[in-house]
PDB file of N, CA and C in Angstrom:
ATOM      1  N   MET A   1     100.343  82.662 130.165  1.00  0.00           N
ATOM      2  CA  MET A   1     100.625  82.544 128.745  1.00  0.00           C
ATOM      3  C   MET A   1      99.649  83.440 127.983  1.00  0.00           C
ATOM      4  N   SER A   2     100.163  84.157 126.991  1.00  0.00           N
ATOM      5  CA  SER A   2      99.290  85.066 126.259  1.00  0.00           C
ATOM      6  C   SER A   2      98.457  84.312 125.228  1.00  0.00           C
ATOM      7  N   GLU A   3      97.374  84.929 124.875  1.00  0.00           N
ATOM      8  CA  GLU A   3      96.456  84.368 123.894  1.00  0.00           C
ATOM      9  C   GLU A   3      97.152  84.264 122.542  1.00  0.00           C
ATOM     10  N   THR A   4      96.803  83.239 121.767  1.00  0.00           N
ATOM     11  CA  THR A   4      97.349  83.106 120.422  1.00  0.00           C
ATOM     12  C   THR A   4      96.252  83.352 119.404  1.00  0.00           C
ATOM     13  N   LYS A   5      96.677  83.813 118.249  1.00  0.00           N
ATOM     14  CA  LYS A   5      95.779  84.035 117.118  1.00  0.00           C
ATOM     15  C   LYS A   5      96.450  83.471 115.885  1.00  0.00           C
ATOM     16  N   ILE A   6      95.639  83.180 114.885  1.00  0.00           N
ATOM     17  CA  ILE A   6      96.172  82.662 113.626  1.00  0.00           C
ATOM     18  C   ILE A   6      96.290  83.826 112.645  1.00  0.00           C
ATOM     19  N   TYR A   7      97.439  83.890 112.002  1.00  0.00           N
ATOM     20  CA  TYR A   7      97.710  84.912 110.992  1.00  0.00           C
ATOM     21  C   TYR A   7      97.951  84.223 109.665  1.00  0.00           C
ATOM     22  N   THR A   8      97.617  84.901 108.598  1.00  0.00           N
ATOM     23  CA  THR A   8      97.776  84.344 107.266  1.00  0.00           C
ATOM     24  C   THR A   8      98.313  85.423 106.334  1.00  0.00           C
ATOM     25  N   GLY A   9      98.755  85.005 105.199  1.00  0.00           N
ATOM     26  CA  GLY A   9      99.232  85.950 104.201  1.00  0.00           C
ATOM     27  C   GLY A   9      99.889  85.208 103.061  1.00  0.00           C
ATOM     28  N   ILE A  10     100.547  85.991 102.228  1.00  0.00           N
ATOM     29  CA  ILE A  10     101.270  85.440 101.082  1.00  0.00           C
ATOM     30  C   ILE A  10     102.761  85.631 101.328  1.00  0.00           C
ATOM     31  N   ALA A  11     103.510  84.578 101.081  1.00  0.00           N
ATOM     32  CA  ALA A  11     104.969  84.649 101.090  1.00  0.00           C
ATOM     33  C   ALA A  11     105.442  84.284  99.691  1.00  0.00           C
ATOM     34  N   ASP A  12     106.526  84.917  99.276  1.00  0.00           N
ATOM     35  CA  ASP A  12     107.098  84.585  97.974  1.00  0.00           C
ATOM     36  C   ASP A  12     108.600  84.800  98.009  1.00  0.00           C
ATOM     37  N   ALA A  13     109.212  84.813  96.852  1.00  0.00           N
ATOM     38  CA  ALA A  13     110.672  84.940  96.758  1.00  0.00           C
ATOM     39  C   ALA A  13     111.201  86.173  97.464  1.00  0.00           C
ATOM     40  N   HIS A  14     110.374  87.192  97.605  1.00  0.00           N
ATOM     41  CA  HIS A  14     110.800  88.456  98.196  1.00  0.00           C
ATOM     42  C   HIS A  14     110.368  88.621  99.645  1.00  0.00           C
ATOM     43  N   GLY A  15     109.855  87.559 100.259  1.00  0.00           N
ATOM     44  CA  GLY A  15     109.482  87.605 101.667  1.00  0.00           C
ATOM     45  C   GLY A  15     107.979  87.596 101.868  1.00  0.00           C
ATOM     46  N   LEU A  16     107.546  88.202 102.971  1.00  0.00           N
ATOM     47  CA  LEU A  16     106.114  88.254 103.267  1.00  0.00           C
ATOM     48  C   LEU A  16     105.489  89.402 102.500  1.00  0.00           C
ATOM     49  N   GLU A  17     104.582  89.059 101.623  1.00  0.00           N
ATOM     50  CA  GLU A  17     103.841  90.074 100.878  1.00  0.00           C
ATOM     51  C   GLU A  17     102.689  90.609 101.710  1.00  0.00           C
ATOM     52  N   SER A  18     102.123  89.746 102.545  1.00  0.00           N
ATOM     53  CA  SER A  18     101.019  90.173 103.405  1.00  0.00           C
ATOM     54  C   SER A  18     101.057  89.382 104.704  1.00  0.00           C
ATOM     55  N   PHE A  19     100.436  89.967 105.730  1.00  0.00           N
ATOM     56  CA  PHE A  19     100.424  89.380 107.075  1.00  0.00           C
ATOM     57  C   PHE A  19      99.212  89.963 107.797  1.00  0.00           C
ATOM     58  N   VAL A  20      98.151  89.164 107.895  1.00  0.00           N
ATOM     59  CA  VAL A  20      96.907  89.641 108.502  1.00  0.00           C
ATOM     60  C   VAL A  20      96.342  88.576 109.435  1.00  0.00           C
ATOM     61  N   GLU A  21      95.538  89.028 110.387  1.00  0.00           N
ATOM     62  CA  GLU A  21      94.863  88.074 111.273  1.00  0.00           C
ATOM     63  C   GLU A  21      93.853  87.283 110.457  1.00  0.00           C
ATOM     64  N   CYS A  22      93.831  85.983 110.671  1.00  0.00           N
ATOM     65  CA  CYS A  22      92.943  85.083 109.945  1.00  0.00           C
ATOM     66  C   CYS A  22      91.579  85.066 110.615  1.00  0.00           C
ATOM     67  N   SER A  23      90.549  85.196 109.827  1.00  0.00           N
ATOM     68  CA  SER A  23      89.207  85.204 110.395  1.00  0.00           C
ATOM     69  C   SER A  23      88.675  83.792 110.650  1.00  0.00           C
ATOM     70  N   GLY A  24      89.308  82.789 110.058  1.00  0.00           N
ATOM     71  CA  GLY A  24      88.888  81.406 110.262  1.00  0.00           C
ATOM     72  C   GLY A  24      89.980  80.616 110.936  1.00  0.00           C
ATOM     73  N   GLU A  25      90.021  79.338 110.670  1.00  0.00           N
ATOM     74  CA  GLU A  25      91.076  78.503 111.229  1.00  0.00           C
ATOM     75  C   GLU A  25      92.155  78.286 110.174  1.00  0.00           C
ATOM     76  N   ALA A  26      93.300  77.799 110.602  1.00  0.00           N
ATOM     77  CA  ALA A  26      94.391  77.544 109.661  1.00  0.00           C
ATOM     78  C   ALA A  26      93.909  76.625 108.557  1.00  0.00           C
ATOM     79  N   GLY A  27      94.335  76.906 107.359  1.00  0.00           N
ATOM     80  CA  GLY A  27      93.912  76.114 106.214  1.00  0.00           C
ATOM     81  C   GLY A  27      92.775  76.761 105.463  1.00  0.00           C
ATOM     82  N   THR A  28      92.157  77.769 106.067  1.00  0.00           N
ATOM     83  CA  THR A  28      91.143  78.538 105.352  1.00  0.00           C
ATOM     84  C   THR A  28      91.744  79.905 105.090  1.00  0.00           C
ATOM     85  N   GLY A  29      91.447  80.441 103.998  1.00  0.00           N
ATOM     86  CA  GLY A  29      92.003  81.748 103.666  1.00  0.00           C
ATOM     87  C   GLY A  29      91.079  82.480 102.734  1.00  0.00           C
ATOM     88  N   SER A  30      91.394  83.713 102.549  1.00  0.00           N
ATOM     89  CA  SER A  30      90.562  84.488 101.657  1.00  0.00           C
ATOM     90  C   SER A  30      90.772  84.016 100.230  1.00  0.00           C
ATOM     91  N   PRO A  31      89.722  84.004  99.452  1.00  0.00           N
ATOM     92  CA  PRO A  31      89.877  83.645  98.036  1.00  0.00           C
ATOM     93  C   PRO A  31      90.876  84.568  97.336  1.00  0.00           C
ATOM     94  N   TYR A  32      90.945  85.824  97.783  1.00  0.00           N
ATOM     95  CA  TYR A  32      91.895  86.774  97.202  1.00  0.00           C
ATOM     96  C   TYR A  32      93.331  86.284  97.391  1.00  0.00           C
ATOM     97  N   HIS A  33      93.681  85.867  98.615  1.00  0.00           N
ATOM     98  CA  HIS A  33      95.047  85.379  98.856  1.00  0.00           C
ATOM     99  C   HIS A  33      95.345  84.145  98.007  1.00  0.00           C
ATOM    100  N   MET A  34      94.395  83.242  97.967  1.00  0.00           N
ATOM    101  CA  MET A  34      94.606  82.002  97.205  1.00  0.00           C
ATOM    102  C   MET A  34      94.792  82.315  95.718  1.00  0.00           C
ATOM    103  N   MET A  35      93.957  83.206  95.180  1.00  0.00           N
ATOM    104  CA  MET A  35      94.058  83.554  93.768  1.00  0.00           C
ATOM    105  C   MET A  35      95.373  84.279  93.484  1.00  0.00           C
ATOM    106  N   ARG A  36      95.699  85.251  94.313  1.00  0.00           N
ATOM    107  CA  ARG A  36      96.925  86.039  94.087  1.00  0.00           C
ATOM    108  C   ARG A  36      98.164  85.151  94.152  1.00  0.00           C
ATOM    109  N   ALA A  37      98.215  84.248  95.106  1.00  0.00           N
ATOM    110  CA  ALA A  37      99.366  83.342  95.201  1.00  0.00           C
ATOM    111  C   ALA A  37      99.434  82.435  93.972  1.00  0.00           C
ATOM    112  N   SER A  38      98.307  81.913  93.536  1.00  0.00           N
ATOM    113  CA  SER A  38      98.323  81.005  92.385  1.00  0.00           C
ATOM    114  C   SER A  38      98.742  81.723  91.106  1.00  0.00           C
ATOM    115  N   LEU A  39      98.446  83.013  90.995  1.00  0.00           N
ATOM    116  CA  LEU A  39      98.817  83.771  89.805  1.00  0.00           C
ATOM    117  C   LEU A  39     100.280  84.213  89.819  1.00  0.00           C
ATOM    118  N   ASN A  40     100.946  84.009  90.942  1.00  0.00           N
ATOM    119  CA  ASN A  40     102.349  84.411  91.068  1.00  0.00           C
ATOM    120  C   ASN A  40     103.253  83.247  91.456  1.00  0.00           C
ATOM    121  N   ARG A  41     102.911  82.058  90.996  1.00  0.00           N
ATOM    122  CA  ARG A  41     103.710  80.885  91.334  1.00  0.00           C
ATOM    123  C   ARG A  41     105.128  80.960  90.780  1.00  0.00           C
ATOM    124  N   GLN A  42     105.352  81.780  89.725  1.00  0.00           N
ATOM    125  CA  GLN A  42     106.710  81.907  89.195  1.00  0.00           C
ATOM    126  C   GLN A  42     107.658  82.461  90.247  1.00  0.00           C
ATOM    127  N   ARG A  43     107.103  83.148  91.270  1.00  0.00           N
ATOM    128  CA  ARG A  43     107.903  83.657  92.391  1.00  0.00           C
ATOM    129  C   ARG A  43     107.799  82.725  93.600  1.00  0.00           C
ATOM    130  N   HIS A  44     107.248  81.533  93.397  1.00  0.00           N
ATOM    131  CA  HIS A  44     107.020  80.562  94.473  1.00  0.00           C
ATOM    132  C   HIS A  44     106.044  81.112  95.517  1.00  0.00           C
ATOM    133  N   ALA A  45     105.119  81.965  95.084  1.00  0.00           N
ATOM    134  CA  ALA A  45     104.137  82.543  95.998  1.00  0.00           C
ATOM    135  C   ALA A  45     103.229  81.456  96.557  1.00  0.00           C
ATOM    136  N   LEU A  46     102.916  81.589  97.839  1.00  0.00           N
ATOM    137  CA  LEU A  46     102.048  80.624  98.517  1.00  0.00           C
ATOM    138  C   LEU A  46     101.343  81.316  99.671  1.00  0.00           C
ATOM    139  N   VAL A  47     100.275  80.689 100.133  1.00  0.00           N
ATOM    140  CA  VAL A  47      99.556  81.177 101.310  1.00  0.00           C
ATOM    141  C   VAL A  47     100.063  80.389 102.514  1.00  0.00           C
ATOM    142  N   TYR A  48     100.324  81.100 103.604  1.00  0.00           N
ATOM    143  CA  TYR A  48     100.794  80.462 104.835  1.00  0.00           C
ATOM    144  C   TYR A  48      99.838  80.801 105.975  1.00  0.00           C
ATOM    145  N   TRP A  49      99.893  80.001 107.016  1.00  0.00           N
ATOM    146  CA  TRP A  49      99.151  80.236 108.255  1.00  0.00           C
ATOM    147  C   TRP A  49     100.100  79.983 109.410  1.00  0.00           C
ATOM    148  N   VAL A  50     100.030  80.840 110.411  1.00  0.00           N
ATOM    149  CA  VAL A  50     100.906  80.663 111.569  1.00  0.00           C
ATOM    150  C   VAL A  50     100.159  81.127 112.817  1.00  0.00           C
ATOM    151  N   GLU A  51     100.316  80.384 113.892  1.00  0.00           N
ATOM    152  CA  GLU A  51      99.704  80.743 115.175  1.00  0.00           C
ATOM    153  C   GLU A  51     100.749  81.453 116.022  1.00  0.00           C
ATOM    154  N   LEU A  52     100.437  82.689 116.413  1.00  0.00           N
ATOM    155  CA  LEU A  52     101.384  83.497 117.173  1.00  0.00           C
ATOM    156  C   LEU A  52     100.732  84.058 118.426  1.00  0.00           C
ATOM    157  N   ASN A  53     101.540  84.216 119.461  1.00  0.00           N
ATOM    158  CA  ASN A  53     101.053  84.931 120.643  1.00  0.00           C
ATOM    159  C   ASN A  53     101.270  86.428 120.413  1.00  0.00           C
ATOM    160  N   ASP A  54     100.840  87.244 121.355  1.00  0.00           N
ATOM    161  CA  ASP A  54     100.912  88.698 121.188  1.00  0.00           C
ATOM    162  C   ASP A  54     102.349  89.195 121.014  1.00  0.00           C
ATOM    163  N   GLU A  55     103.283  88.609 121.743  1.00  0.00           N
ATOM    164  CA  GLU A  55     104.670  89.036 121.643  1.00  0.00           C
ATOM    165  C   GLU A  55     105.268  88.676 120.276  1.00  0.00           C
ATOM    166  N   GLN A  56     104.961  87.481 119.800  1.00  0.00           N
ATOM    167  CA  GLN A  56     105.451  87.074 118.481  1.00  0.00           C
ATOM    168  C   GLN A  56     104.857  87.962 117.386  1.00  0.00           C
ATOM    169  N   TYR A  57     103.549  88.218 117.501  1.00  0.00           N
ATOM    170  CA  TYR A  57     102.902  89.106 116.537  1.00  0.00           C
ATOM    171  C   TYR A  57     103.601  90.466 116.514  1.00  0.00           C
ATOM    172  N   ALA A  58     103.872  91.014 117.688  1.00  0.00           N
ATOM    173  CA  ALA A  58     104.508  92.332 117.782  1.00  0.00           C
ATOM    174  C   ALA A  58     105.873  92.329 117.096  1.00  0.00           C
ATOM    175  N   GLN A  59     106.630  91.242 117.239  1.00  0.00           N
ATOM    176  CA  GLN A  59     107.940  91.159 116.597  1.00  0.00           C
ATOM    177  C   GLN A  59     107.818  91.215 115.075  1.00  0.00           C
ATOM    178  N   VAL A  60     106.889  90.432 114.537  1.00  0.00           N
ATOM    179  CA  VAL A  60     106.698  90.422 113.083  1.00  0.00           C
ATOM    180  C   VAL A  60     106.198  91.789 112.623  1.00  0.00           C
ATOM    181  N   ALA A  61     105.222  92.342 113.323  1.00  0.00           N
ATOM    182  CA  ALA A  61     104.661  93.643 112.950  1.00  0.00           C
ATOM    183  C   ALA A  61     105.724  94.739 113.016  1.00  0.00           C
ATOM    184  N   ASP A  62     106.600  94.691 114.012  1.00  0.00           N
ATOM    185  CA  ASP A  62     107.669  95.685 114.128  1.00  0.00           C
ATOM    186  C   ASP A  62     108.626  95.611 112.941  1.00  0.00           C
ATOM    187  N   ILE A  63     108.967  94.401 112.538  1.00  0.00           N
ATOM    188  CA  ILE A  63     109.859  94.238 111.385  1.00  0.00           C
ATOM    189  C   ILE A  63     109.195  94.793 110.133  1.00  0.00           C
ATOM    190  N   LEU A  64     107.949  94.408 109.908  1.00  0.00           N
ATOM    191  CA  LEU A  64     107.248  94.865 108.701  1.00  0.00           C
ATOM    192  C   LEU A  64     107.005  96.370 108.710  1.00  0.00           C
ATOM    193  N   GLY A  65     106.899  96.948 109.881  1.00  0.00           N
ATOM    194  CA  GLY A  65     106.639  98.380 109.990  1.00  0.00           C
ATOM    195  C   GLY A  65     107.874  99.259 109.936  1.00  0.00           C
ATOM    196  N   ASP A  66     109.058  98.654 109.904  1.00  0.00           N
ATOM    197  CA  ASP A  66     110.304  99.414 109.893  1.00  0.00           C
ATOM    198  C   ASP A  66     110.624  99.884 108.478  1.00  0.00           C
ATOM    199  N   MET A  67     110.130 101.062 108.135  1.00  0.00           N
ATOM    200  CA  MET A  67     110.269 101.580 106.772  1.00  0.00           C
ATOM    201  C   MET A  67     111.714 101.901 106.390  1.00  0.00           C
ATOM    202  N   ASP A  68     112.613 101.961 107.361  1.00  0.00           N
ATOM    203  CA  ASP A  68     114.030 102.196 107.067  1.00  0.00           C
ATOM    204  C   ASP A  68     114.755 100.912 106.675  1.00  0.00           C
ATOM    205  N   ASN A  69     114.089  99.788 106.823  1.00  0.00           N
ATOM    206  CA  ASN A  69     114.691  98.490 106.528  1.00  0.00           C
ATOM    207  C   ASN A  69     114.193  97.999 105.171  1.00  0.00           C
ATOM    208  N   ASP A  70     115.034  98.079 104.151  1.00  0.00           N
ATOM    209  CA  ASP A  70     114.663  97.623 102.810  1.00  0.00           C
ATOM    210  C   ASP A  70     114.470  96.115 102.737  1.00  0.00           C
ATOM    211  N   GLU A  71     114.956  95.408 103.725  1.00  0.00           N
ATOM    212  CA  GLU A  71     114.844  93.946 103.751  1.00  0.00           C
ATOM    213  C   GLU A  71     113.737  93.476 104.697  1.00  0.00           C
ATOM    214  N   ARG A  72     112.823  94.362 105.080  1.00  0.00           N
ATOM    215  CA  ARG A  72     111.818  94.015 106.094  1.00  0.00           C
ATOM    216  C   ARG A  72     110.935  92.835 105.701  1.00  0.00           C
ATOM    217  N   PHE A  73     110.574  92.718 104.432  1.00  0.00           N
ATOM    218  CA  PHE A  73     109.725  91.601 104.014  1.00  0.00           C
ATOM    219  C   PHE A  73     110.496  90.280 104.067  1.00  0.00           C
ATOM    220  N   MET A  74     111.770  90.340 103.677  1.00  0.00           N
ATOM    221  CA  MET A  74     112.636  89.163 103.755  1.00  0.00           C
ATOM    222  C   MET A  74     112.879  88.788 105.220  1.00  0.00           C
ATOM    223  N   ASP A  75     113.176  89.806 106.051  1.00  0.00           N
ATOM    224  CA  ASP A  75     113.464  89.542 107.463  1.00  0.00           C
ATOM    225  C   ASP A  75     112.264  88.928 108.181  1.00  0.00           C
ATOM    226  N   ALA A  76     111.062  89.408 107.876  1.00  0.00           N
ATOM    227  CA  ALA A  76     109.857  88.857 108.507  1.00  0.00           C
ATOM    228  C   ALA A  76     109.666  87.398 108.086  1.00  0.00           C
ATOM    229  N   CYS A  77     109.924  87.100 106.835  1.00  0.00           N
ATOM    230  CA  CYS A  77     109.801  85.720 106.357  1.00  0.00           C
ATOM    231  C   CYS A  77     110.851  84.829 107.017  1.00  0.00           C
ATOM    232  N   ARG A  78     112.069  85.336 107.137  1.00  0.00           N
ATOM    233  CA  ARG A  78     113.129  84.564 107.808  1.00  0.00           C
ATOM    234  C   ARG A  78     112.754  84.269 109.260  1.00  0.00           C
ATOM    235  N   LEU A  79     112.117  85.242 109.913  1.00  0.00           N
ATOM    236  CA  LEU A  79     111.701  85.037 111.299  1.00  0.00           C
ATOM    237  C   LEU A  79     110.703  83.890 111.405  1.00  0.00           C
ATOM    238  N   LEU A  80     109.766  83.801 110.461  1.00  0.00           N
ATOM    239  CA  LEU A  80     108.800  82.693 110.485  1.00  0.00           C
ATOM    240  C   LEU A  80     109.454  81.352 110.175  1.00  0.00           C
ATOM    241  N   HIS A  81     110.630  81.360 109.583  1.00  0.00           N
ATOM    242  CA  HIS A  81     111.371  80.123 109.336  1.00  0.00           C
ATOM    243  C   HIS A  81     112.210  79.702 110.539  1.00  0.00           C
ATOM    244  N   ASP A  82     112.366  80.570 111.508  1.00  0.00           N
ATOM    245  CA  ASP A  82     113.229  80.313 112.659  1.00  0.00           C
ATOM    246  C   ASP A  82     112.508  79.418 113.675  1.00  0.00           C
ATOM    247  N   PRO A  83     112.983  78.179 113.872  1.00  0.00           N
ATOM    248  CA  PRO A  83     112.309  77.272 114.810  1.00  0.00           C
ATOM    249  C   PRO A  83     112.382  77.747 116.264  1.00  0.00           C
ATOM    250  N   ASP A  84     113.298  78.660 116.569  1.00  0.00           N
ATOM    251  CA  ASP A  84     113.343  79.225 117.916  1.00  0.00           C
ATOM    252  C   ASP A  84     112.270  80.284 118.112  1.00  0.00           C
ATOM    253  N   PHE A  85     111.725  80.791 117.017  1.00  0.00           N
ATOM    254  CA  PHE A  85     110.678  81.803 117.086  1.00  0.00           C
ATOM    255  C   PHE A  85     109.291  81.167 117.064  1.00  0.00           C
ATOM    256  N   VAL A  86     109.051  80.283 116.116  1.00  0.00           N
ATOM    257  CA  VAL A  86     107.754  79.622 115.982  1.00  0.00           C
ATOM    258  C   VAL A  86     107.990  78.180 115.543  1.00  0.00           C
ATOM    259  N   GLU A  87     107.205  77.289 116.104  1.00  0.00           N
ATOM    260  CA  GLU A  87     107.410  75.866 115.845  1.00  0.00           C
ATOM    261  C   GLU A  87     106.860  75.418 114.493  1.00  0.00           C
ATOM    262  N   ILE A  88     105.671  75.906 114.139  1.00  0.00           N
ATOM    263  CA  ILE A  88     105.007  75.408 112.930  1.00  0.00           C
ATOM    264  C   ILE A  88     104.433  76.558 112.117  1.00  0.00           C
ATOM    265  N   VAL A  89     104.714  76.547 110.836  1.00  0.00           N
ATOM    266  CA  VAL A  89     104.050  77.404 109.860  1.00  0.00           C
ATOM    267  C   VAL A  89     103.380  76.450 108.881  1.00  0.00           C
ATOM    268  N   SER A  90     102.103  76.639 108.654  1.00  0.00           N
ATOM    269  CA  SER A  90     101.358  75.739 107.771  1.00  0.00           C
ATOM    270  C   SER A  90     101.263  76.316 106.370  1.00  0.00           C
ATOM    271  N   VAL A  91     101.473  75.454 105.389  1.00  0.00           N
ATOM    272  CA  VAL A  91     101.273  75.784 103.981  1.00  0.00           C
ATOM    273  C   VAL A  91     100.607  74.573 103.346  1.00  0.00           C
ATOM    274  N   GLU A  92     100.032  74.764 102.176  1.00  0.00           N
ATOM    275  CA  GLU A  92      99.459  73.625 101.472  1.00  0.00           C
ATOM    276  C   GLU A  92     100.565  72.624 101.152  1.00  0.00           C
ATOM    277  N   GLN A  93     100.241  71.352 101.206  1.00  0.00           N
ATOM    278  CA  GLN A  93     101.232  70.290 101.023  1.00  0.00           C
ATOM    279  C   GLN A  93     102.027  70.471  99.738  1.00  0.00           C
ATOM    280  N   GLU A  94     101.354  70.814  98.648  1.00  0.00           N
ATOM    281  CA  GLU A  94     102.057  70.950  97.369  1.00  0.00           C
ATOM    282  C   GLU A  94     102.952  72.197  97.312  1.00  0.00           C
ATOM    283  N   MET A  95     102.859  73.065  98.316  1.00  0.00           N
ATOM    284  CA  MET A  95     103.689  74.272  98.370  1.00  0.00           C
ATOM    285  C   MET A  95     104.847  74.140  99.360  1.00  0.00           C
ATOM    286  N   LEU A  96     104.955  73.011 100.016  1.00  0.00           N
ATOM    287  CA  LEU A  96     105.961  72.830 101.059  1.00  0.00           C
ATOM    288  C   LEU A  96     107.387  73.050 100.548  1.00  0.00           C
ATOM    289  N   ARG A  97     107.694  72.534  99.378  1.00  0.00           N
ATOM    290  CA  ARG A  97     109.053  72.702  98.839  1.00  0.00           C
ATOM    291  C   ARG A  97     109.347  74.181  98.581  1.00  0.00           C
ATOM    292  N   SER A  98     108.361  74.906  98.079  1.00  0.00           N
ATOM    293  CA  SER A  98     108.555  76.344  97.864  1.00  0.00           C
ATOM    294  C   SER A  98     108.805  77.049  99.191  1.00  0.00           C
ATOM    295  N   TRP A  99     108.007  76.718 100.222  1.00  0.00           N
ATOM    296  CA  TRP A  99     108.190  77.361 101.530  1.00  0.00           C
ATOM    297  C   TRP A  99     109.615  77.167 102.033  1.00  0.00           C
ATOM    298  N   GLU A 100     110.140  75.969 101.851  1.00  0.00           N
ATOM    299  CA  GLU A 100     111.484  75.664 102.337  1.00  0.00           C
ATOM    300  C   GLU A 100     112.560  76.484 101.636  1.00  0.00           C
ATOM    301  N   MET A 101     112.288  76.963 100.420  1.00  0.00           N
ATOM    302  CA  MET A 101     113.274  77.745  99.661  1.00  0.00           C
ATOM    303  C   MET A 101     113.160  79.251  99.920  1.00  0.00           C
ATOM    304  N   LEU A 102     112.055  79.679 100.497  1.00  0.00           N
ATOM    305  CA  LEU A 102     111.817  81.116 100.690  1.00  0.00           C
ATOM    306  C   LEU A 102     112.513  81.632 101.936  1.00  0.00           C
ATOM    307  N   PRO A 103     112.829  82.919 101.986  1.00  0.00           N
ATOM    308  CA  PRO A 103     112.825  83.881 100.885  1.00  0.00           C
ATOM    309  C   PRO A 103     114.138  83.813 100.114  1.00  0.00           C
ATOM    310  N   ASN A 104     114.080  84.132  98.849  1.00  0.00           N
ATOM    311  CA  ASN A 104     115.271  84.125  97.999  1.00  0.00           C
ATOM    312  C   ASN A 104     114.934  84.879  96.715  1.00  0.00           C
ATOM    313  N   HIS A 105     115.440  86.092  96.583  1.00  0.00           N
ATOM    314  CA  HIS A 105     115.156  86.906  95.394  1.00  0.00           C
ATOM    315  C   HIS A 105     115.457  86.157  94.094  1.00  0.00           C
ATOM    316  N   ASP A 106     116.478  85.312  94.103  1.00  0.00           N
ATOM    317  CA  ASP A 106     116.889  84.614  92.885  1.00  0.00           C
ATOM    318  C   ASP A 106     115.829  83.645  92.355  1.00  0.00           C
ATOM    319  N   LEU A 107     114.836  83.315  93.166  1.00  0.00           N
ATOM    320  CA  LEU A 107     113.766  82.419  92.708  1.00  0.00           C
ATOM    321  C   LEU A 107     112.782  83.123  91.776  1.00  0.00           C
ATOM    322  N   ASP A 108     112.820  84.440  91.730  1.00  0.00           N
ATOM    323  CA  ASP A 108     111.923  85.201  90.855  1.00  0.00           C
ATOM    324  C   ASP A 108     112.601  85.382  89.500  1.00  0.00           C
ATOM    325  N   PRO A 109     112.078  84.747  88.462  1.00  0.00           N
ATOM    326  CA  PRO A 109     112.739  84.828  87.146  1.00  0.00           C
ATOM    327  C   PRO A 109     112.733  86.243  86.555  1.00  0.00           C
ATOM    328  N   TYR A 110     111.897  87.115  87.081  1.00  0.00           N
ATOM    329  CA  TYR A 110     111.799  88.470  86.554  1.00  0.00           C
ATOM    330  C   TYR A 110     112.516  89.506  87.438  1.00  0.00           C
ATOM    331  N   TRP A 111     113.151  89.061  88.518  1.00  0.00           N
ATOM    332  CA  TRP A 111     113.792  89.974  89.457  1.00  0.00           C
ATOM    333  C   TRP A 111     115.051  90.553  88.837  1.00  0.00           C
ATOM    334  N   GLY A 112     115.124  91.847  88.853  1.00  0.00           N
ATOM    335  CA  GLY A 112     116.298  92.509  88.299  1.00  0.00           C
ATOM    336  C   GLY A 112     117.196  93.069  89.375  1.00  0.00           C
ATOM    337  N   GLY A 113     116.837  92.849  90.620  1.00  0.00           N
ATOM    338  CA  GLY A 113     117.616  93.379  91.736  1.00  0.00           C
ATOM    339  C   GLY A 113     117.120  94.754  92.130  1.00  0.00           C
ATOM    340  N   ALA A 114     117.588  95.176  93.280  1.00  0.00           N
ATOM    341  CA  ALA A 114     117.127  96.482  93.763  1.00  0.00           C
ATOM    342  C   ALA A 114     118.303  97.414  93.925  1.00  0.00           C
TER     343      ALA A 114
END
């Protein structure tokens, strides 16, 4: 079995805004991520934590790195919602309802479409 690492970032109505290896344990995050998510709650922005093995990480990184895919941020977020891909994604308790609705462009009151 491959080694697992914890990754964190911001997810919002438009998918994964960021995806980085976490330097601490799940539930701890950079003050920057926490502040940025709190300032963008109108888009249901939140900080998430997920434990992934090397193969799972590669799948997410490949999706995010596919510059020809305009939906890459949405697709990466959908992958983290897939119970066949990962069992648990952690978010703060008060953000759980938002996580369940993501990703969805229509949740952003300022979204004009692309």
